Structure formats: structure tokens, C-alpha cells
Amino acid sequence: MVLDTCGISSSRYLPKKYRDIIEPVISRNVCFAAPENILLAMLTDERCHIRNLAARRIIKAREIDPDGNCVHRFVIPAVNFRAT
């Protein structure tokens, strides 16, 4: 999944005192790119075909696990700020 690559890659050129502030914030906010949140954002998109796509994917996911007994435990992934 591609995150805000422009913002992350641009942050490496900031002075260290600003990077020390920004990088923990980006790391904490990476959870907003979780698939569940992406689908919720797609459901509110102004384009009809994007809303339909989100609805189809949610329905398909529910068919795969109809019991709903599986609780998703979200773990914040590590962000490699030095990646090129």
C-alpha cells in the first residue's frame, strides 16, 4: 500500500529538529491507511463507481467470514523514513 510518499520522502530534507517532531506523527497516523479506513473513505466518495466498488469489496469480505467471529487486531506498521 502506498502512503503519502511525497510527504514522507520530503520530510527527510527537513532539519533534524523538525524531523524529530514530524516522523513520530507520521508513524502514529499510518493507521489511517488501514484497509478498513480506506473502504470507509471509498463509501463516501463522490464518484458512484468508487462507492460501488467499496460496497462490493465489503460484501465479498463478509462472505469470506460470514460468522464475524474473527476480530481484526490492528498493529501499527513500522515506517521506513530512509527508504528511497
Protein backbone atom coordinates (compact mmCIF):
# COMPACT_ATOMS: atom_id res chain seq x y z
CA MET A 1 0.00 0.00 0.00
CA VAL A 2 1.34 3.40 -0.94
CA LEU A 3 1.09 6.01 1.77
CA ASP A 4 1.74 9.72 1.44
CA THR A 5 5.06 9.11 -0.29
CA CYS A 6 5.51 12.74 -1.22
CA GLY A 7 5.20 13.91 2.38
CA ILE A 8 7.32 11.11 3.80
CA SER A 9 10.07 11.49 1.22
CA SER A 10 10.04 15.28 1.58
CA SER A 11 10.40 15.09 5.35
CA ARG A 12 13.91 13.67 5.04
CA TYR A 13 15.16 17.06 3.78
CA LEU A 14 13.95 18.93 6.86
CA PRO A 15 16.35 19.88 9.64
CA LYS A 16 16.70 17.17 12.30
CA LYS A 17 14.79 19.16 14.93
CA TYR A 18 11.72 19.19 12.64
CA ARG A 19 12.12 15.56 11.57
CA ASP A 20 12.15 14.56 15.24
CA ILE A 21 8.71 16.16 15.55
CA ILE A 22 7.19 15.03 12.26
CA GLU A 23 8.30 11.40 12.00
CA PRO A 24 6.53 10.18 15.17
CA VAL A 25 3.33 11.89 13.99
CA ILE A 26 3.51 10.21 10.58
CA SER A 27 4.20 6.87 12.28
CA ARG A 28 1.15 7.23 14.54
CA ASN A 29 -1.12 8.34 11.72
CA VAL A 30 -0.19 5.49 9.40
CA CYS A 31 -3.18 3.63 10.88
CA PHE A 32 -5.48 5.83 8.80
CA ALA A 33 -4.28 3.91 5.74
CA ALA A 34 -5.67 0.64 7.14
CA PRO A 35 -7.85 -1.22 4.61
CA GLU A 36 -10.95 -0.70 6.75
CA ASN A 37 -10.46 3.06 6.75
CA ILE A 38 -9.76 3.13 3.02
CA LEU A 39 -13.04 1.31 2.37
CA LEU A 40 -14.93 3.73 4.61
CA ALA A 41 -13.46 6.65 2.71
CA MET A 42 -14.41 4.98 -0.57
CA LEU A 43 -18.02 4.65 0.63
CA THR A 44 -18.25 8.42 0.94
CA ASP A 45 -16.57 9.23 -2.38
CA GLU A 46 -18.50 11.49 -4.74
CA ARG A 47 -17.92 9.09 -7.64
CA CYS A 48 -20.57 6.41 -7.88
CA HIS A 49 -18.27 3.71 -9.27
CA ILE A 50 -15.89 4.12 -6.30
CA ARG A 51 -18.78 3.76 -3.82
CA ASN A 52 -19.99 0.65 -5.67
CA LEU A 53 -16.50 -0.85 -5.63
CA ALA A 54 -16.23 -0.32 -1.86
CA ALA A 55 -19.65 -1.88 -1.29
CA ARG A 56 -18.76 -4.93 -3.42
CA ARG A 57 -15.50 -5.43 -1.56
CA ILE A 58 -17.19 -5.19 1.84
CA ILE A 59 -19.85 -7.69 0.79
CA LYS A 60 -17.20 -10.07 -0.53
CA ALA A 61 -15.20 -9.80 2.71
CA ARG A 62 -18.33 -10.63 4.71
CA GLU A 63 -18.96 -13.69 2.53
CA ILE A 64 -15.45 -14.97 3.22
CA ASP A 65 -16.03 -14.82 7.00
CA PRO A 66 -19.82 -14.99 7.49
CA ASP A 67 -19.57 -15.75 11.23
CA GLY A 68 -17.92 -12.46 12.03
CA ASN A 69 -16.09 -14.15 14.90
CA CYS A 70 -12.70 -13.00 13.68
CA VAL A 71 -11.65 -9.80 15.42
CA HIS A 72 -9.04 -7.86 13.49
CA ARG A 73 -6.23 -6.71 15.73
CA PHE A 74 -4.62 -3.71 14.13
CA VAL A 75 -0.90 -3.32 14.62
CA ILE A 76 0.66 -0.05 13.53
CA PRO A 77 3.28 -0.92 10.91
CA ALA A 78 6.78 0.48 11.03
CA VAL A 79 7.53 3.25 8.57
CA ASN A 80 10.96 3.31 6.95
CA PHE A 81 11.64 7.02 6.52
CA ARG A 82 15.00 6.33 4.87
CA ALA A 83 13.53 4.26 2.02
CA THR A 84 14.10 5.62 -1.45
